[in-house]
Amino acid sequence: LRLSEGMVFTIEPMINLGSYNLKIDQNGW
């Protein structure tokens, strides 16, 4: 998408020391 005036959003990089692969705990979150 091309950026235009009035858009509001977050930028929130999650950066890992090793692999970018992940797993989800039993709490589901």
PDB file of all heavy atoms in Angstrom:
ATOM      1  N   LEU A   1       0.818  -1.205   0.000  1.00  0.00           N
ATOM      2  CA  LEU A   1       0.000   0.000   0.000  1.00  0.00           C
ATOM      3  C   LEU A   1       0.856   1.261   0.000  1.00  0.00           C
ATOM      4  O   LEU A   1       1.869   1.331   0.704  1.00  0.00           O
ATOM      5  CB  LEU A   1      -0.894  -0.026   1.244  1.00  0.00           C
ATOM      6  CG  LEU A   1      -1.994   1.017   1.352  1.00  0.00           C
ATOM      7  CD1 LEU A   1      -3.074   0.755   0.308  1.00  0.00           C
ATOM      8  CD2 LEU A   1      -2.610   0.969   2.754  1.00  0.00           C
ATOM      9  N   ARG A   2       0.431   2.255  -0.793  1.00  0.00           N
ATOM     10  CA  ARG A   2       1.132   3.538  -0.781  1.00  0.00           C
ATOM     11  C   ARG A   2       0.643   4.362   0.411  1.00  0.00           C
ATOM     12  O   ARG A   2      -0.558   4.409   0.698  1.00  0.00           O
ATOM     13  CB  ARG A   2       0.911   4.286  -2.094  1.00  0.00           C
ATOM     14  CG  ARG A   2       1.903   5.415  -2.311  1.00  0.00           C
ATOM     15  CD  ARG A   2       1.790   6.034  -3.677  1.00  0.00           C
ATOM     16  NE  ARG A   2       2.161   5.141  -4.775  1.00  0.00           N
ATOM     17  CZ  ARG A   2       3.414   4.880  -5.140  1.00  0.00           C
ATOM     18  NH1 ARG A   2       4.426   5.409  -4.475  1.00  0.00           N
ATOM     19  NH2 ARG A   2       3.653   4.084  -6.165  1.00  0.00           N
ATOM     20  N   LEU A   3       1.572   5.010   1.109  1.00  0.00           N
ATOM     21  CA  LEU A   3       1.238   5.751   2.322  1.00  0.00           C
ATOM     22  C   LEU A   3       0.627   7.107   1.973  1.00  0.00           C
ATOM     23  O   LEU A   3       1.091   7.804   1.073  1.00  0.00           O
ATOM     24  CB  LEU A   3       2.484   5.951   3.175  1.00  0.00           C
ATOM     25  CG  LEU A   3       3.237   4.670   3.560  1.00  0.00           C
ATOM     26  CD1 LEU A   3       4.433   4.997   4.438  1.00  0.00           C
ATOM     27  CD2 LEU A   3       2.314   3.682   4.269  1.00  0.00           C
ATOM     28  N   SER A   4      -0.422   7.449   2.717  1.00  0.00           N
ATOM     29  CA  SER A   4      -1.088   8.727   2.497  1.00  0.00           C
ATOM     30  C   SER A   4      -1.408   9.396   3.827  1.00  0.00           C
ATOM     31  O   SER A   4      -1.464   8.748   4.880  1.00  0.00           O
ATOM     32  CB  SER A   4      -2.369   8.542   1.676  1.00  0.00           C
ATOM     33  OG  SER A   4      -3.264   7.665   2.334  1.00  0.00           O
ATOM     34  N   GLU A   5      -1.620  10.701   3.768  1.00  0.00           N
ATOM     35  CA  GLU A   5      -1.865  11.493   4.972  1.00  0.00           C
ATOM     36  C   GLU A   5      -3.085  10.965   5.726  1.00  0.00           C
ATOM     37  O   GLU A   5      -4.109  10.632   5.133  1.00  0.00           O
ATOM     38  CB  GLU A   5      -2.081  12.952   4.592  1.00  0.00           C
ATOM     39  CG  GLU A   5      -2.190  13.883   5.780  1.00  0.00           C
ATOM     40  CD  GLU A   5      -2.277  15.351   5.383  1.00  0.00           C
ATOM     41  OE1 GLU A   5      -2.269  15.647   4.169  1.00  0.00           O
ATOM     42  OE2 GLU A   5      -2.337  16.197   6.299  1.00  0.00           O
ATOM     43  N   GLY A   6      -2.957  10.866   7.039  1.00  0.00           N
ATOM     44  CA  GLY A   6      -4.067  10.432   7.881  1.00  0.00           C
ATOM     45  C   GLY A   6      -4.044   8.963   8.255  1.00  0.00           C
ATOM     46  O   GLY A   6      -4.840   8.529   9.096  1.00  0.00           O
ATOM     47  N   MET A   7      -3.155   8.185   7.643  1.00  0.00           N
ATOM     48  CA  MET A   7      -2.987   6.798   8.092  1.00  0.00           C
ATOM     49  C   MET A   7      -2.338   6.796   9.485  1.00  0.00           C
ATOM     50  O   MET A   7      -1.442   7.598   9.756  1.00  0.00           O
ATOM     51  CB  MET A   7      -2.095   6.013   7.137  1.00  0.00           C
ATOM     52  CG  MET A   7      -2.705   5.696   5.808  1.00  0.00           C
ATOM     53  SD  MET A   7      -1.538   4.720   4.799  1.00  0.00           S
ATOM     54  CE  MET A   7      -2.526   4.424   3.351  1.00  0.00           C
ATOM     55  N   VAL A   8      -2.809   5.904  10.338  1.00  0.00           N
ATOM     56  CA  VAL A   8      -2.199   5.720  11.663  1.00  0.00           C
ATOM     57  C   VAL A   8      -1.986   4.225  11.871  1.00  0.00           C
ATOM     58  O   VAL A   8      -2.920   3.442  11.702  1.00  0.00           O
ATOM     59  CB  VAL A   8      -3.078   6.292  12.790  1.00  0.00           C
ATOM     60  CG1 VAL A   8      -2.379   6.114  14.137  1.00  0.00           C
ATOM     61  CG2 VAL A   8      -3.388   7.765  12.553  1.00  0.00           C
ATOM     62  N   PHE A   9      -0.760   3.858  12.203  1.00  0.00           N
ATOM     63  CA  PHE A   9      -0.464   2.435  12.408  1.00  0.00           C
ATOM     64  C   PHE A   9       0.735   2.284  13.329  1.00  0.00           C
ATOM     65  O   PHE A   9       1.408   3.262  13.682  1.00  0.00           O
ATOM     66  CB  PHE A   9      -0.222   1.713  11.078  1.00  0.00           C
ATOM     67  CG  PHE A   9       0.803   2.354  10.163  1.00  0.00           C
ATOM     68  CD1 PHE A   9       2.157   2.202  10.385  1.00  0.00           C
ATOM     69  CD2 PHE A   9       0.393   3.092   9.053  1.00  0.00           C
ATOM     70  CE1 PHE A   9       3.101   2.765   9.534  1.00  0.00           C
ATOM     71  CE2 PHE A   9       1.313   3.664   8.191  1.00  0.00           C
ATOM     72  CZ  PHE A   9       2.672   3.502   8.434  1.00  0.00           C
ATOM     73  N   THR A  10       0.975   1.048  13.736  1.00  0.00           N
ATOM     74  CA  THR A  10       2.147   0.737  14.558  1.00  0.00           C
ATOM     75  C   THR A  10       3.253   0.144  13.691  1.00  0.00           C
ATOM     76  O   THR A  10       2.989  -0.521  12.690  1.00  0.00           O
ATOM     77  CB  THR A  10       1.816  -0.267  15.676  1.00  0.00           C
ATOM     78  OG1 THR A  10       1.573  -1.562  15.105  1.00  0.00           O
ATOM     79  CG2 THR A  10       0.616   0.180  16.490  1.00  0.00           C
ATOM     80  N   ILE A  11       4.463   0.403  14.105  1.00  0.00           N
ATOM     81  CA  ILE A  11       5.639  -0.327  13.622  1.00  0.00           C
ATOM     82  C   ILE A  11       6.231  -0.978  14.858  1.00  0.00           C
ATOM     83  O   ILE A  11       6.481  -0.304  15.864  1.00  0.00           O
ATOM     84  CB  ILE A  11       6.656   0.602  12.935  1.00  0.00           C
ATOM     85  CG1 ILE A  11       6.024   1.295  11.723  1.00  0.00           C
ATOM     86  CG2 ILE A  11       7.897  -0.178  12.511  1.00  0.00           C
ATOM     87  CD1 ILE A  11       6.926   2.319  11.051  1.00  0.00           C
ATOM     88  N   GLU A  12       6.453  -2.298  14.822  1.00  0.00           N
ATOM     89  CA  GLU A  12       6.826  -3.013  16.054  1.00  0.00           C
ATOM     90  C   GLU A  12       7.722  -4.221  15.771  1.00  0.00           C
ATOM     91  O   GLU A  12       7.345  -5.359  16.060  1.00  0.00           O
ATOM     92  CB  GLU A  12       5.573  -3.446  16.805  1.00  0.00           C
ATOM     93  CG  GLU A  12       4.499  -4.129  15.966  1.00  0.00           C
ATOM     94  CD  GLU A  12       3.244  -4.426  16.770  1.00  0.00           C
ATOM     95  OE1 GLU A  12       3.317  -5.294  17.672  1.00  0.00           O
ATOM     96  OE2 GLU A  12       2.209  -3.788  16.493  1.00  0.00           O
ATOM     97  N   PRO A  13       8.902  -3.993  15.215  1.00  0.00           N
ATOM     98  CA  PRO A  13       9.761  -5.129  14.873  1.00  0.00           C
ATOM     99  C   PRO A  13      10.111  -5.990  16.082  1.00  0.00           C
ATOM    100  O   PRO A  13      10.462  -5.482  17.151  1.00  0.00           O
ATOM    101  CB  PRO A  13      11.008  -4.459  14.290  1.00  0.00           C
ATOM    102  CG  PRO A  13      10.988  -3.063  14.825  1.00  0.00           C
ATOM    103  CD  PRO A  13       9.548  -2.705  14.938  1.00  0.00           C
ATOM    104  N   MET A  14      10.001  -7.294  15.893  1.00  0.00           N
ATOM    105  CA  MET A  14      10.447  -8.289  16.867  1.00  0.00           C
ATOM    106  C   MET A  14      11.665  -8.965  16.257  1.00  0.00           C
ATOM    107  O   MET A  14      11.558  -9.604  15.201  1.00  0.00           O
ATOM    108  CB  MET A  14       9.335  -9.291  17.153  1.00  0.00           C
ATOM    109  CG  MET A  14       8.080  -8.631  17.682  1.00  0.00           C
ATOM    110  SD  MET A  14       6.648  -9.727  17.693  1.00  0.00           S
ATOM    111  CE  MET A  14       5.337  -8.504  17.517  1.00  0.00           C
ATOM    112  N   ILE A  15      12.799  -8.788  16.895  1.00  0.00           N
ATOM    113  CA  ILE A  15      14.082  -9.214  16.340  1.00  0.00           C
ATOM    114  C   ILE A  15      14.688 -10.281  17.247  1.00  0.00           C
ATOM    115  O   ILE A  15      14.740 -10.106  18.472  1.00  0.00           O
ATOM    116  CB  ILE A  15      15.048  -8.011  16.203  1.00  0.00           C
ATOM    117  CG1 ILE A  15      14.371  -6.866  15.430  1.00  0.00           C
ATOM    118  CG2 ILE A  15      16.340  -8.445  15.534  1.00  0.00           C
ATOM    119  CD1 ILE A  15      13.962  -7.194  14.013  1.00  0.00           C
ATOM    120  N   ASN A  16      15.135 -11.377  16.636  1.00  0.00           N
ATOM    121  CA  ASN A  16      15.676 -12.510  17.384  1.00  0.00           C
ATOM    122  C   ASN A  16      17.181 -12.626  17.207  1.00  0.00           C
ATOM    123  O   ASN A  16      17.718 -12.351  16.136  1.00  0.00           O
ATOM    124  CB  ASN A  16      15.032 -13.818  16.919  1.00  0.00           C
ATOM    125  CG  ASN A  16      13.559 -13.891  17.248  1.00  0.00           C
ATOM    126  OD1 ASN A  16      13.022 -13.040  17.951  1.00  0.00           O
ATOM    127  ND2 ASN A  16      12.892 -14.915  16.744  1.00  0.00           N
ATOM    128  N   LEU A  17      17.820 -13.118  18.259  1.00  0.00           N
ATOM    129  CA  LEU A  17      19.262 -13.368  18.213  1.00  0.00           C
ATOM    130  C   LEU A  17      19.585 -14.519  17.270  1.00  0.00           C
ATOM    131  O   LEU A  17      20.591 -14.498  16.566  1.00  0.00           O
ATOM    132  CB  LEU A  17      19.747 -13.692  19.631  1.00  0.00           C
ATOM    133  CG  LEU A  17      21.204 -13.450  19.975  1.00  0.00           C
ATOM    134  CD1 LEU A  17      21.623 -12.009  19.732  1.00  0.00           C
ATOM    135  CD2 LEU A  17      21.432 -13.811  21.445  1.00  0.00           C
ATOM    136  N   GLY A  18      18.699 -15.518  17.241  1.00  0.00           N
ATOM    137  CA  GLY A  18      18.915 -16.690  16.396  1.00  0.00           C
ATOM    138  C   GLY A  18      17.857 -16.787  15.308  1.00  0.00           C
ATOM    139  O   GLY A  18      17.595 -15.836  14.587  1.00  0.00           O
ATOM    140  N   SER A  19      17.218 -17.947  15.216  1.00  0.00           N
ATOM    141  CA  SER A  19      16.204 -18.196  14.193  1.00  0.00           C
ATOM    142  C   SER A  19      14.967 -17.328  14.415  1.00  0.00           C
ATOM    143  O   SER A  19      14.606 -17.029  15.551  1.00  0.00           O
ATOM    144  CB  SER A  19      15.795 -19.672  14.224  1.00  0.00           C
ATOM    145  OG  SER A  19      14.633 -19.901  13.455  1.00  0.00           O
ATOM    146  N   TYR A  20      14.285 -16.982  13.309  1.00  0.00           N
ATOM    147  CA  TYR A  20      13.027 -16.238  13.450  1.00  0.00           C
ATOM    148  C   TYR A  20      11.846 -17.160  13.718  1.00  0.00           C
ATOM    149  O   TYR A  20      10.736 -16.692  13.989  1.00  0.00           O
ATOM    150  CB  TYR A  20      12.745 -15.364  12.222  1.00  0.00           C
ATOM    151  CG  TYR A  20      12.595 -16.080  10.903  1.00  0.00           C
ATOM    152  CD1 TYR A  20      11.466 -16.843  10.612  1.00  0.00           C
ATOM    153  CD2 TYR A  20      13.580 -15.979   9.926  1.00  0.00           C
ATOM    154  CE1 TYR A  20      11.323 -17.486   9.389  1.00  0.00           C
ATOM    155  CE2 TYR A  20      13.446 -16.608   8.698  1.00  0.00           C
ATOM    156  CZ  TYR A  20      12.312 -17.358   8.435  1.00  0.00           C
ATOM    157  OH  TYR A  20      12.180 -17.988   7.215  1.00  0.00           O
ATOM    158  N   ASN A  21      12.035 -18.464  13.681  1.00  0.00           N
ATOM    159  CA  ASN A  21      10.938 -19.397  13.920  1.00  0.00           C
ATOM    160  C   ASN A  21      10.496 -19.355  15.380  1.00  0.00           C
ATOM    161  O   ASN A  21      11.301 -19.103  16.282  1.00  0.00           O
ATOM    162  CB  ASN A  21      11.347 -20.808  13.533  1.00  0.00           C
ATOM    163  CG  ASN A  21      11.528 -20.950  12.027  1.00  0.00           C
ATOM    164  OD1 ASN A  21      10.674 -20.535  11.258  1.00  0.00           O
ATOM    165  ND2 ASN A  21      12.653 -21.508  11.603  1.00  0.00           N
ATOM    166  N   LEU A  22       9.206 -19.640  15.594  1.00  0.00           N
ATOM    167  CA  LEU A  22       8.660 -19.534  16.938  1.00  0.00           C
ATOM    168  C   LEU A  22       7.736 -20.693  17.253  1.00  0.00           C
ATOM    169  O   LEU A  22       7.360 -21.473  16.380  1.00  0.00           O
ATOM    170  CB  LEU A  22       7.925 -18.200  17.095  1.00  0.00           C
ATOM    171  CG  LEU A  22       6.752 -17.890  16.154  1.00  0.00           C
ATOM    172  CD1 LEU A  22       5.456 -18.581  16.571  1.00  0.00           C
ATOM    173  CD2 LEU A  22       6.520 -16.396  16.071  1.00  0.00           C
ATOM    174  N   LYS A  23       7.383 -20.793  18.511  1.00  0.00           N
ATOM    175  CA  LYS A  23       6.380 -21.749  18.974  1.00  0.00           C
ATOM    176  C   LYS A  23       5.480 -21.027  19.974  1.00  0.00           C
ATOM    177  O   LYS A  23       5.870 -20.017  20.567  1.00  0.00           O
ATOM    178  CB  LYS A  23       7.047 -22.967  19.619  1.00  0.00           C
ATOM    179  CG  LYS A  23       7.978 -22.649  20.781  1.00  0.00           C
ATOM    180  CD  LYS A  23       8.732 -23.877  21.256  1.00  0.00           C
ATOM    181  CE  LYS A  23       9.724 -23.525  22.368  1.00  0.00           C
ATOM    182  NZ  LYS A  23      10.509 -24.701  22.811  1.00  0.00           N
ATOM    183  N   ILE A  24       4.269 -21.542  20.146  1.00  0.00           N
ATOM    184  CA  ILE A  24       3.290 -20.931  21.039  1.00  0.00           C
ATOM    185  C   ILE A  24       3.142 -21.802  22.283  1.00  0.00           C
ATOM    186  O   ILE A  24       2.997 -23.021  22.196  1.00  0.00           O
ATOM    187  CB  ILE A  24       1.921 -20.774  20.346  1.00  0.00           C
ATOM    188  CG1 ILE A  24       2.050 -19.968  19.045  1.00  0.00           C
ATOM    189  CG2 ILE A  24       0.918 -20.108  21.294  1.00  0.00           C
ATOM    190  CD1 ILE A  24       2.465 -18.539  19.229  1.00  0.00           C
ATOM    191  N   ASP A  25       3.167 -21.147  23.448  1.00  0.00           N
ATOM    192  CA  ASP A  25       3.006 -21.860  24.712  1.00  0.00           C
ATOM    193  C   ASP A  25       1.596 -22.447  24.849  1.00  0.00           C
ATOM    194  O   ASP A  25       0.674 -22.080  24.115  1.00  0.00           O
ATOM    195  CB  ASP A  25       3.271 -20.908  25.881  1.00  0.00           C
ATOM    196  CG  ASP A  25       4.749 -20.637  26.099  1.00  0.00           C
ATOM    197  OD1 ASP A  25       5.583 -21.192  25.357  1.00  0.00           O
ATOM    198  OD2 ASP A  25       5.074 -19.859  27.023  1.00  0.00           O
ATOM    199  N   GLN A  26       1.441 -23.302  25.849  1.00  0.00           N
ATOM    200  CA  GLN A  26       0.149 -23.948  26.084  1.00  0.00           C
ATOM    201  C   GLN A  26      -0.951 -22.965  26.460  1.00  0.00           C
ATOM    202  O   GLN A  26      -2.139 -23.275  26.324  1.00  0.00           O
ATOM    203  CB  GLN A  26       0.284 -25.018  27.170  1.00  0.00           C
ATOM    204  CG  GLN A  26       1.045 -26.260  26.710  1.00  0.00           C
ATOM    205  CD  GLN A  26       1.057 -27.360  27.758  1.00  0.00           C
ATOM    206  OE1 GLN A  26       0.674 -27.137  28.910  1.00  0.00           O
ATOM    207  NE2 GLN A  26       1.484 -28.551  27.373  1.00  0.00           N
ATOM    208  N   ASN A  27      -0.564 -21.765  26.919  1.00  0.00           N
ATOM    209  CA  ASN A  27      -1.595 -20.771  27.252  1.00  0.00           C
ATOM    210  C   ASN A  27      -2.289 -20.205  26.008  1.00  0.00           C
ATOM    211  O   ASN A  27      -3.261 -19.466  26.113  1.00  0.00           O
ATOM    212  CB  ASN A  27      -1.023 -19.642  28.115  1.00  0.00           C
ATOM    213  CG  ASN A  27       0.069 -18.831  27.416  1.00  0.00           C
ATOM    214  OD1 ASN A  27       0.130 -18.722  26.199  1.00  0.00           O
ATOM    215  ND2 ASN A  27       0.959 -18.242  28.223  1.00  0.00           N
ATOM    216  N   GLY A  28      -1.764 -20.569  24.818  1.00  0.00           N
ATOM    217  CA  GLY A  28      -2.387 -20.135  23.578  1.00  0.00           C
ATOM    218  C   GLY A  28      -2.039 -18.714  23.162  1.00  0.00           C
ATOM    219  O   GLY A  28      -2.497 -18.253  22.107  1.00  0.00           O
ATOM    220  N   TRP A  29      -1.220 -18.029  23.932  1.00  0.00           N
ATOM    221  CA  TRP A  29      -0.871 -16.641  23.663  1.00  0.00           C
ATOM    222  C   TRP A  29       0.623 -16.432  23.440  1.00  0.00           C
ATOM    223  O   TRP A  29       1.031 -15.827  22.450  1.00  0.00           O
ATOM    224  CB  TRP A  29      -1.315 -15.746  24.837  1.00  0.00           C
ATOM    225  CG  TRP A  29      -2.762 -15.472  24.900  1.00  0.00           C
ATOM    226  CD1 TRP A  29      -3.713 -16.171  25.595  1.00  0.00           C
ATOM    227  CD2 TRP A  29      -3.474 -14.404  24.253  1.00  0.00           C
ATOM    228  NE1 TRP A  29      -4.956 -15.627  25.431  1.00  0.00           N
ATOM    229  CE2 TRP A  29      -4.833 -14.525  24.610  1.00  0.00           C
ATOM    230  CE3 TRP A  29      -3.088 -13.367  23.417  1.00  0.00           C
ATOM    231  CZ2 TRP A  29      -5.811 -13.642  24.152  1.00  0.00           C
ATOM    232  CZ3 TRP A  29      -4.054 -12.475  22.955  1.00  0.00           C
ATOM    233  CH2 TRP A  29      -5.398 -12.621  23.316  1.00  0.00           C
TER     234      TRP A  29
END
